[in-house]
Amino acid sequence: MVLAAGYRGAIDFRLAGVPDDAATTARAGVANALADPHNEAVVRAAQEAFVTGWQLSMWTGTATMAVLLAYLLVRRPGR
């Protein structure tokens, strides 16, 4: 879910100058954007937006694990 939100948030910025029909397809998802390999601008925008979304999801996971670790250290079961 975080990955998809990150993709959607990053794709619009990268689609400047792309025709509306291709941009709409790319906004629907990375698989749709990659379906037309002849449009290099859309493919590149989708790849970059996917990486941005992936990074966001990894940082979210890292933050979640850090919070859980802190919780476990504070509430040690053996105390």
PDB file of N, CA and C in Angstrom:
ATOM      1  N   MET A   1       0.816  -1.174   0.000  1.00  0.00           N
ATOM      2  CA  MET A   1       0.000   0.000   0.000  1.00  0.00           C
ATOM      3  C   MET A   1       0.874   1.258   0.000  1.00  0.00           C
ATOM      4  N   VAL A   2       1.940   1.251   0.799  1.00  0.00           N
ATOM      5  CA  VAL A   2       2.844   2.399   0.834  1.00  0.00           C
ATOM      6  C   VAL A   2       3.552   2.545  -0.506  1.00  0.00           C
ATOM      7  N   LEU A   3       3.925   1.415  -1.093  1.00  0.00           N
ATOM      8  CA  LEU A   3       4.588   1.446  -2.396  1.00  0.00           C
ATOM      9  C   LEU A   3       3.690   2.089  -3.448  1.00  0.00           C
ATOM     10  N   ALA A   4       2.433   1.686  -3.479  1.00  0.00           N
ATOM     11  CA  ALA A   4       1.499   2.248  -4.457  1.00  0.00           C
ATOM     12  C   ALA A   4       1.277   3.739  -4.220  1.00  0.00           C
ATOM     13  N   ALA A   5       1.181   4.136  -2.961  1.00  0.00           N
ATOM     14  CA  ALA A   5       0.995   5.561  -2.655  1.00  0.00           C
ATOM     15  C   ALA A   5       2.228   6.364  -3.066  1.00  0.00           C
ATOM     16  N   GLY A   6       3.393   5.807  -2.821  1.00  0.00           N
ATOM     17  CA  GLY A   6       4.618   6.484  -3.229  1.00  0.00           C
ATOM     18  C   GLY A   6       4.727   6.614  -4.737  1.00  0.00           C
ATOM     19  N   TYR A   7       4.316   5.567  -5.439  1.00  0.00           N
ATOM     20  CA  TYR A   7       4.325   5.603  -6.904  1.00  0.00           C
ATOM     21  C   TYR A   7       3.385   6.689  -7.421  1.00  0.00           C
ATOM     22  N   ARG A   8       2.168   6.677  -6.895  1.00  0.00           N
ATOM     23  CA  ARG A   8       1.185   7.670  -7.345  1.00  0.00           C
ATOM     24  C   ARG A   8       1.641   9.094  -7.033  1.00  0.00           C
ATOM     25  N   GLY A   9       2.298   9.265  -5.902  1.00  0.00           N
ATOM     26  CA  GLY A   9       2.766  10.596  -5.541  1.00  0.00           C
ATOM     27  C   GLY A   9       3.932  11.077  -6.392  1.00  0.00           C
ATOM     28  N   ALA A  10       4.716  10.134  -6.929  1.00  0.00           N
ATOM     29  CA  ALA A  10       5.918  10.502  -7.683  1.00  0.00           C
ATOM     30  C   ALA A  10       5.709  10.519  -9.192  1.00  0.00           C
ATOM     31  N   ILE A  11       4.681   9.870  -9.695  1.00  0.00           N
ATOM     32  CA  ILE A  11       4.541   9.714 -11.150  1.00  0.00           C
ATOM     33  C   ILE A  11       4.136  11.025 -11.829  1.00  0.00           C
ATOM     34  N   ASP A  12       3.280  11.802 -11.216  1.00  0.00           N
ATOM     35  CA  ASP A  12       2.808  13.035 -11.860  1.00  0.00           C
ATOM     36  C   ASP A  12       3.947  13.993 -12.173  1.00  0.00           C
ATOM     37  N   PHE A  13       4.846  14.153 -11.239  1.00  0.00           N
ATOM     38  CA  PHE A  13       5.984  15.048 -11.420  1.00  0.00           C
ATOM     39  C   PHE A  13       6.826  14.629 -12.622  1.00  0.00           C
ATOM     40  N   ARG A  14       6.915  13.340 -12.865  1.00  0.00           N
ATOM     41  CA  ARG A  14       7.783  12.818 -13.922  1.00  0.00           C
ATOM     42  C   ARG A  14       7.097  12.729 -15.289  1.00  0.00           C
ATOM     43  N   LEU A  15       5.819  12.993 -15.342  1.00  0.00           N
ATOM     44  CA  LEU A  15       5.081  12.864 -16.602  1.00  0.00           C
ATOM     45  C   LEU A  15       4.890  14.197 -17.320  1.00  0.00           C
ATOM     46  N   ALA A  16       5.636  15.207 -16.947  1.00  0.00           N
ATOM     47  CA  ALA A  16       5.516  16.505 -17.607  1.00  0.00           C
ATOM     48  C   ALA A  16       5.888  16.371 -19.079  1.00  0.00           C
ATOM     49  N   GLY A  17       5.028  16.828 -19.952  1.00  0.00           N
ATOM     50  CA  GLY A  17       5.288  16.776 -21.383  1.00  0.00           C
ATOM     51  C   GLY A  17       4.863  15.490 -22.059  1.00  0.00           C
ATOM     52  N   VAL A  18       4.324  14.545 -21.317  1.00  0.00           N
ATOM     53  CA  VAL A  18       3.854  13.280 -21.891  1.00  0.00           C
ATOM     54  C   VAL A  18       2.393  13.457 -22.302  1.00  0.00           C
ATOM     55  N   PRO A  19       1.993  12.918 -23.450  1.00  0.00           N
ATOM     56  CA  PRO A  19       0.590  13.024 -23.877  1.00  0.00           C
ATOM     57  C   PRO A  19      -0.374  12.494 -22.807  1.00  0.00           C
ATOM     58  N   ASP A  20      -1.551  13.102 -22.749  1.00  0.00           N
ATOM     59  CA  ASP A  20      -2.525  12.773 -21.699  1.00  0.00           C
ATOM     60  C   ASP A  20      -2.916  11.305 -21.658  1.00  0.00           C
ATOM     61  N   ASP A  21      -3.124  10.671 -22.813  1.00  0.00           N
ATOM     62  CA  ASP A  21      -3.541   9.258 -22.808  1.00  0.00           C
ATOM     63  C   ASP A  21      -2.448   8.367 -22.227  1.00  0.00           C
ATOM     64  N   ALA A  22      -1.200   8.623 -22.573  1.00  0.00           N
ATOM     65  CA  ALA A  22      -0.094   7.826 -22.028  1.00  0.00           C
ATOM     66  C   ALA A  22       0.092   8.116 -20.542  1.00  0.00           C
ATOM     67  N   ALA A  23      -0.084   9.367 -20.144  1.00  0.00           N
ATOM     68  CA  ALA A  23       0.059   9.728 -18.735  1.00  0.00           C
ATOM     69  C   ALA A  23      -1.024   9.075 -17.886  1.00  0.00           C
ATOM     70  N   THR A  24      -2.239   9.036 -18.396  1.00  0.00           N
ATOM     71  CA  THR A  24      -3.337   8.395 -17.668  1.00  0.00           C
ATOM     72  C   THR A  24      -3.060   6.919 -17.478  1.00  0.00           C
ATOM     73  N   THR A  25      -2.550   6.266 -18.503  1.00  0.00           N
ATOM     74  CA  THR A  25      -2.205   4.849 -18.403  1.00  0.00           C
ATOM     75  C   THR A  25      -1.104   4.645 -17.364  1.00  0.00           C
ATOM     76  N   ALA A  26      -0.103   5.496 -17.355  1.00  0.00           N
ATOM     77  CA  ALA A  26       1.002   5.375 -16.406  1.00  0.00           C
ATOM     78  C   ALA A  26       0.541   5.614 -14.976  1.00  0.00           C
ATOM     79  N   ARG A  27      -0.413   6.511 -14.793  1.00  0.00           N
ATOM     80  CA  ARG A  27      -0.926   6.781 -13.446  1.00  0.00           C
ATOM     81  C   ARG A  27      -1.675   5.577 -12.874  1.00  0.00           C
ATOM     82  N   ALA A  28      -2.215   4.741 -13.739  1.00  0.00           N
ATOM     83  CA  ALA A  28      -2.969   3.573 -13.284  1.00  0.00           C
ATOM     84  C   ALA A  28      -2.074   2.521 -12.643  1.00  0.00           C
ATOM     85  N   GLY A  29      -0.795   2.539 -12.953  1.00  0.00           N
ATOM     86  CA  GLY A  29       0.116   1.572 -12.336  1.00  0.00           C
ATOM     87  C   GLY A  29       1.350   1.357 -13.182  1.00  0.00           C
ATOM     88  N   VAL A  30       2.376   0.858 -12.531  1.00  0.00           N
ATOM     89  CA  VAL A  30       3.650   0.665 -13.217  1.00  0.00           C
ATOM     90  C   VAL A  30       3.533  -0.392 -14.315  1.00  0.00           C
ATOM     91  N   ALA A  31       2.760  -1.421 -14.106  1.00  0.00           N
ATOM     92  CA  ALA A  31       2.596  -2.463 -15.132  1.00  0.00           C
ATOM     93  C   ALA A  31       1.948  -1.890 -16.387  1.00  0.00           C
ATOM     94  N   ASN A  32       0.986  -1.015 -16.210  1.00  0.00           N
ATOM     95  CA  ASN A  32       0.345  -0.376 -17.359  1.00  0.00           C
ATOM     96  C   ASN A  32       1.329   0.514 -18.106  1.00  0.00           C
ATOM     97  N   ALA A  33       2.160   1.220 -17.353  1.00  0.00           N
ATOM     98  CA  ALA A  33       3.131   2.116 -17.985  1.00  0.00           C
ATOM     99  C   ALA A  33       4.171   1.328 -18.781  1.00  0.00           C
ATOM    100  N   LEU A  34       4.554   0.181 -18.290  1.00  0.00           N
ATOM    101  CA  LEU A  34       5.566  -0.634 -18.967  1.00  0.00           C
ATOM    102  C   LEU A  34       4.998  -1.450 -20.123  1.00  0.00           C
ATOM    103  N   ALA A  35       3.681  -1.461 -20.262  1.00  0.00           N
ATOM    104  CA  ALA A  35       3.049  -2.233 -21.330  1.00  0.00           C
ATOM    105  C   ALA A  35       3.356  -1.659 -22.710  1.00  0.00           C
ATOM    106  N   ASP A  36       3.685  -0.378 -22.771  1.00  0.00           N
ATOM    107  CA  ASP A  36       4.018   0.266 -24.045  1.00  0.00           C
ATOM    108  C   ASP A  36       5.500   0.640 -24.040  1.00  0.00           C
ATOM    109  N   PRO A  37       6.374  -0.305 -24.402  1.00  0.00           N
ATOM    110  CA  PRO A  37       7.818  -0.043 -24.319  1.00  0.00           C
ATOM    111  C   PRO A  37       8.314   0.978 -25.337  1.00  0.00           C
ATOM    112  N   HIS A  38       7.475   1.364 -26.307  1.00  0.00           N
ATOM    113  CA  HIS A  38       7.893   2.320 -27.332  1.00  0.00           C
ATOM    114  C   HIS A  38       7.916   3.758 -26.826  1.00  0.00           C
ATOM    115  N   ASN A  39       7.207   4.023 -25.751  1.00  0.00           N
ATOM    116  CA  ASN A  39       7.169   5.361 -25.183  1.00  0.00           C
ATOM    117  C   ASN A  39       8.200   5.429 -24.046  1.00  0.00           C
ATOM    118  N   GLU A  40       9.419   5.780 -24.399  1.00  0.00           N
ATOM    119  CA  GLU A  40      10.523   5.759 -23.439  1.00  0.00           C
ATOM    120  C   GLU A  40      10.312   6.721 -22.280  1.00  0.00           C
ATOM    121  N   ALA A  41       9.677   7.858 -22.521  1.00  0.00           N
ATOM    122  CA  ALA A  41       9.455   8.833 -21.456  1.00  0.00           C
ATOM    123  C   ALA A  41       8.541   8.260 -20.377  1.00  0.00           C
ATOM    124  N   VAL A  42       7.506   7.546 -20.786  1.00  0.00           N
ATOM    125  CA  VAL A  42       6.568   6.952 -19.831  1.00  0.00           C
ATOM    126  C   VAL A  42       7.247   5.813 -19.073  1.00  0.00           C
ATOM    127  N   VAL A  43       7.991   4.978 -19.775  1.00  0.00           N
ATOM    128  CA  VAL A  43       8.685   3.860 -19.131  1.00  0.00           C
ATOM    129  C   VAL A  43       9.678   4.382 -18.094  1.00  0.00           C
ATOM    130  N   ARG A  44      10.450   5.383 -18.469  1.00  0.00           N
ATOM    131  CA  ARG A  44      11.441   5.955 -17.548  1.00  0.00           C
ATOM    132  C   ARG A  44      10.755   6.598 -16.345  1.00  0.00           C
ATOM    133  N   ALA A  45       9.673   7.323 -16.581  1.00  0.00           N
ATOM    134  CA  ALA A  45       8.934   7.953 -15.483  1.00  0.00           C
ATOM    135  C   ALA A  45       8.383   6.896 -14.531  1.00  0.00           C
ATOM    136  N   ALA A  46       7.847   5.815 -15.086  1.00  0.00           N
ATOM    137  CA  ALA A  46       7.286   4.746 -14.255  1.00  0.00           C
ATOM    138  C   ALA A  46       8.379   4.058 -13.446  1.00  0.00           C
ATOM    139  N   GLN A  47       9.518   3.811 -14.061  1.00  0.00           N
ATOM    140  CA  GLN A  47      10.618   3.170 -13.340  1.00  0.00           C
ATOM    141  C   GLN A  47      11.099   4.049 -12.187  1.00  0.00           C
ATOM    142  N   GLU A  48      11.272   5.321 -12.456  1.00  0.00           N
ATOM    143  CA  GLU A  48      11.739   6.234 -11.412  1.00  0.00           C
ATOM    144  C   GLU A  48      10.702   6.382 -10.295  1.00  0.00           C
ATOM    145  N   ALA A  49       9.436   6.461 -10.656  1.00  0.00           N
ATOM    146  CA  ALA A  49       8.381   6.580  -9.653  1.00  0.00           C
ATOM    147  C   ALA A  49       8.277   5.307  -8.820  1.00  0.00           C
ATOM    148  N   PHE A  50       8.477   4.145  -9.453  1.00  0.00           N
ATOM    149  CA  PHE A  50       8.449   2.886  -8.720  1.00  0.00           C
ATOM    150  C   PHE A  50       9.572   2.838  -7.687  1.00  0.00           C
ATOM    151  N   VAL A  51      10.754   3.266  -8.086  1.00  0.00           N
ATOM    152  CA  VAL A  51      11.887   3.279  -7.153  1.00  0.00           C
ATOM    153  C   VAL A  51      11.602   4.229  -5.988  1.00  0.00           C
ATOM    154  N   THR A  52      11.018   5.373  -6.282  1.00  0.00           N
ATOM    155  CA  THR A  52      10.658   6.317  -5.230  1.00  0.00           C
ATOM    156  C   THR A  52       9.658   5.681  -4.262  1.00  0.00           C
ATOM    157  N   GLY A  53       8.648   5.021  -4.798  1.00  0.00           N
ATOM    158  CA  GLY A  53       7.664   4.337  -3.959  1.00  0.00           C
ATOM    159  C   GLY A  53       8.275   3.211  -3.149  1.00  0.00           C
ATOM    160  N   TRP A  54       9.195   2.479  -3.754  1.00  0.00           N
ATOM    161  CA  TRP A  54       9.873   1.384  -3.067  1.00  0.00           C
ATOM    162  C   TRP A  54      10.705   1.924  -1.914  1.00  0.00           C
ATOM    163  N   GLN A  55      11.429   3.012  -2.154  1.00  0.00           N
ATOM    164  CA  GLN A  55      12.236   3.611  -1.095  1.00  0.00           C
ATOM    165  C   GLN A  55      11.348   4.080   0.057  1.00  0.00           C
ATOM    166  N   LEU A  56      10.230   4.687  -0.267  1.00  0.00           N
ATOM    167  CA  LEU A  56       9.300   5.138   0.767  1.00  0.00           C
ATOM    168  C   LEU A  56       8.798   3.957   1.595  1.00  0.00           C
ATOM    169  N   SER A  57       8.461   2.864   0.938  1.00  0.00           N
ATOM    170  CA  SER A  57       7.968   1.711   1.677  1.00  0.00           C
ATOM    171  C   SER A  57       9.063   1.077   2.538  1.00  0.00           C
ATOM    172  N   MET A  58      10.297   1.075   2.058  1.00  0.00           N
ATOM    173  CA  MET A  58      11.401   0.536   2.859  1.00  0.00           C
ATOM    174  C   MET A  58      11.669   1.408   4.084  1.00  0.00           C
ATOM    175  N   TRP A  59      11.645   2.731   3.922  1.00  0.00           N
ATOM    176  CA  TRP A  59      11.848   3.616   5.060  1.00  0.00           C
ATOM    177  C   TRP A  59      10.695   3.500   6.061  1.00  0.00           C
ATOM    178  N   THR A  60       9.489   3.303   5.561  1.00  0.00           N
ATOM    179  CA  THR A  60       8.343   3.105   6.458  1.00  0.00           C
ATOM    180  C   THR A  60       8.518   1.827   7.264  1.00  0.00           C
ATOM    181  N   GLY A  61       8.960   0.765   6.606  1.00  0.00           N
ATOM    182  CA  GLY A  61       9.216  -0.496   7.303  1.00  0.00           C
ATOM    183  C   GLY A  61      10.326  -0.363   8.330  1.00  0.00           C
ATOM    184  N   THR A  62      11.368   0.366   7.983  1.00  0.00           N
ATOM    185  CA  THR A  62      12.472   0.580   8.907  1.00  0.00           C
ATOM    186  C   THR A  62      12.009   1.352  10.144  1.00  0.00           C
ATOM    187  N   ALA A  63      11.233   2.385   9.935  1.00  0.00           N
ATOM    188  CA  ALA A  63      10.719   3.171  11.058  1.00  0.00           C
ATOM    189  C   ALA A  63       9.807   2.325  11.940  1.00  0.00           C
ATOM    190  N   THR A  64       8.985   1.494  11.332  1.00  0.00           N
ATOM    191  CA  THR A  64       8.092   0.622  12.094  1.00  0.00           C
ATOM    192  C   THR A  64       8.897  -0.354  12.948  1.00  0.00           C
ATOM    193  N   MET A  65       9.940  -0.942  12.372  1.00  0.00           N
ATOM    194  CA  MET A  65      10.762  -1.890  13.122  1.00  0.00           C
ATOM    195  C   MET A  65      11.499  -1.188  14.265  1.00  0.00           C
ATOM    196  N   ALA A  66      11.945   0.047  14.041  1.00  0.00           N
ATOM    197  CA  ALA A  66      12.622   0.799  15.093  1.00  0.00           C
ATOM    198  C   ALA A  66      11.679   1.091  16.265  1.00  0.00           C
ATOM    199  N   VAL A  67      10.447   1.455  15.950  1.00  0.00           N
ATOM    200  CA  VAL A  67       9.466   1.708  17.001  1.00  0.00           C
ATOM    201  C   VAL A  67       9.169   0.421  17.768  1.00  0.00           C
ATOM    202  N   LEU A  68       9.022  -0.696  17.061  1.00  0.00           N
ATOM    203  CA  LEU A  68       8.770  -1.971  17.742  1.00  0.00           C
ATOM    204  C   LEU A  68       9.945  -2.391  18.610  1.00  0.00           C
ATOM    205  N   LEU A  69      11.161  -2.173  18.137  1.00  0.00           N
ATOM    206  CA  LEU A  69      12.342  -2.496  18.931  1.00  0.00           C
ATOM    207  C   LEU A  69      12.382  -1.648  20.193  1.00  0.00           C
ATOM    208  N   ALA A  70      12.119  -0.370  20.066  1.00  0.00           N
ATOM    209  CA  ALA A  70      12.096   0.510  21.238  1.00  0.00           C
ATOM    210  C   ALA A  70      11.033   0.049  22.231  1.00  0.00           C
ATOM    211  N   TYR A  71       9.889  -0.326  21.732  1.00  0.00           N
ATOM    212  CA  TYR A  71       8.813  -0.820  22.597  1.00  0.00           C
ATOM    213  C   TYR A  71       9.260  -2.070  23.341  1.00  0.00           C
ATOM    214  N   LEU A  72       9.891  -2.998  22.638  1.00  0.00           N
ATOM    215  CA  LEU A  72      10.348  -4.229  23.285  1.00  0.00           C
ATOM    216  C   LEU A  72      11.447  -3.966  24.308  1.00  0.00           C
ATOM    217  N   LEU A  73      12.313  -3.028  24.016  1.00  0.00           N
ATOM    218  CA  LEU A  73      13.370  -2.706  24.981  1.00  0.00           C
ATOM    219  C   LEU A  73      12.813  -2.068  26.245  1.00  0.00           C
ATOM    220  N   VAL A  74      11.768  -1.271  26.098  1.00  0.00           N
ATOM    221  CA  VAL A  74      11.148  -0.628  27.262  1.00  0.00           C
ATOM    222  C   VAL A  74      10.315  -1.632  28.058  1.00  0.00           C
ATOM    223  N   ARG A  75       9.623  -2.497  27.392  1.00  0.00           N
ATOM    224  CA  ARG A  75       8.708  -3.451  28.032  1.00  0.00           C
ATOM    225  C   ARG A  75       9.257  -4.866  28.023  1.00  0.00           C
ATOM    226  N   ARG A  76      10.513  -5.023  28.345  1.00  0.00           N
ATOM    227  CA  ARG A  76      11.137  -6.349  28.331  1.00  0.00           C
ATOM    228  C   ARG A  76      10.290  -7.355  29.082  1.00  0.00           C
ATOM    229  N   PRO A  77      10.034  -8.500  28.450  1.00  0.00           N
ATOM    230  CA  PRO A  77       9.188  -9.510  29.101  1.00  0.00           C
ATOM    231  C   PRO A  77       9.799 -10.106  30.381  1.00  0.00           C
ATOM    232  N   GLY A  78      11.115 -10.126  30.492  1.00  0.00           N
ATOM    233  CA  GLY A  78      11.750 -10.765  31.657  1.00  0.00           C
ATOM    234  C   GLY A  78      11.944  -9.863  32.854  1.00  0.00           C
ATOM    235  N   ARG A  79      11.384  -8.671  32.862  1.00  0.00           N
ATOM    236  CA  ARG A  79      11.597  -7.736  33.970  1.00  0.00           C
ATOM    237  C   ARG A  79      10.786  -8.049  35.170  1.00  0.00           C
TER     238      ARG A  79
END
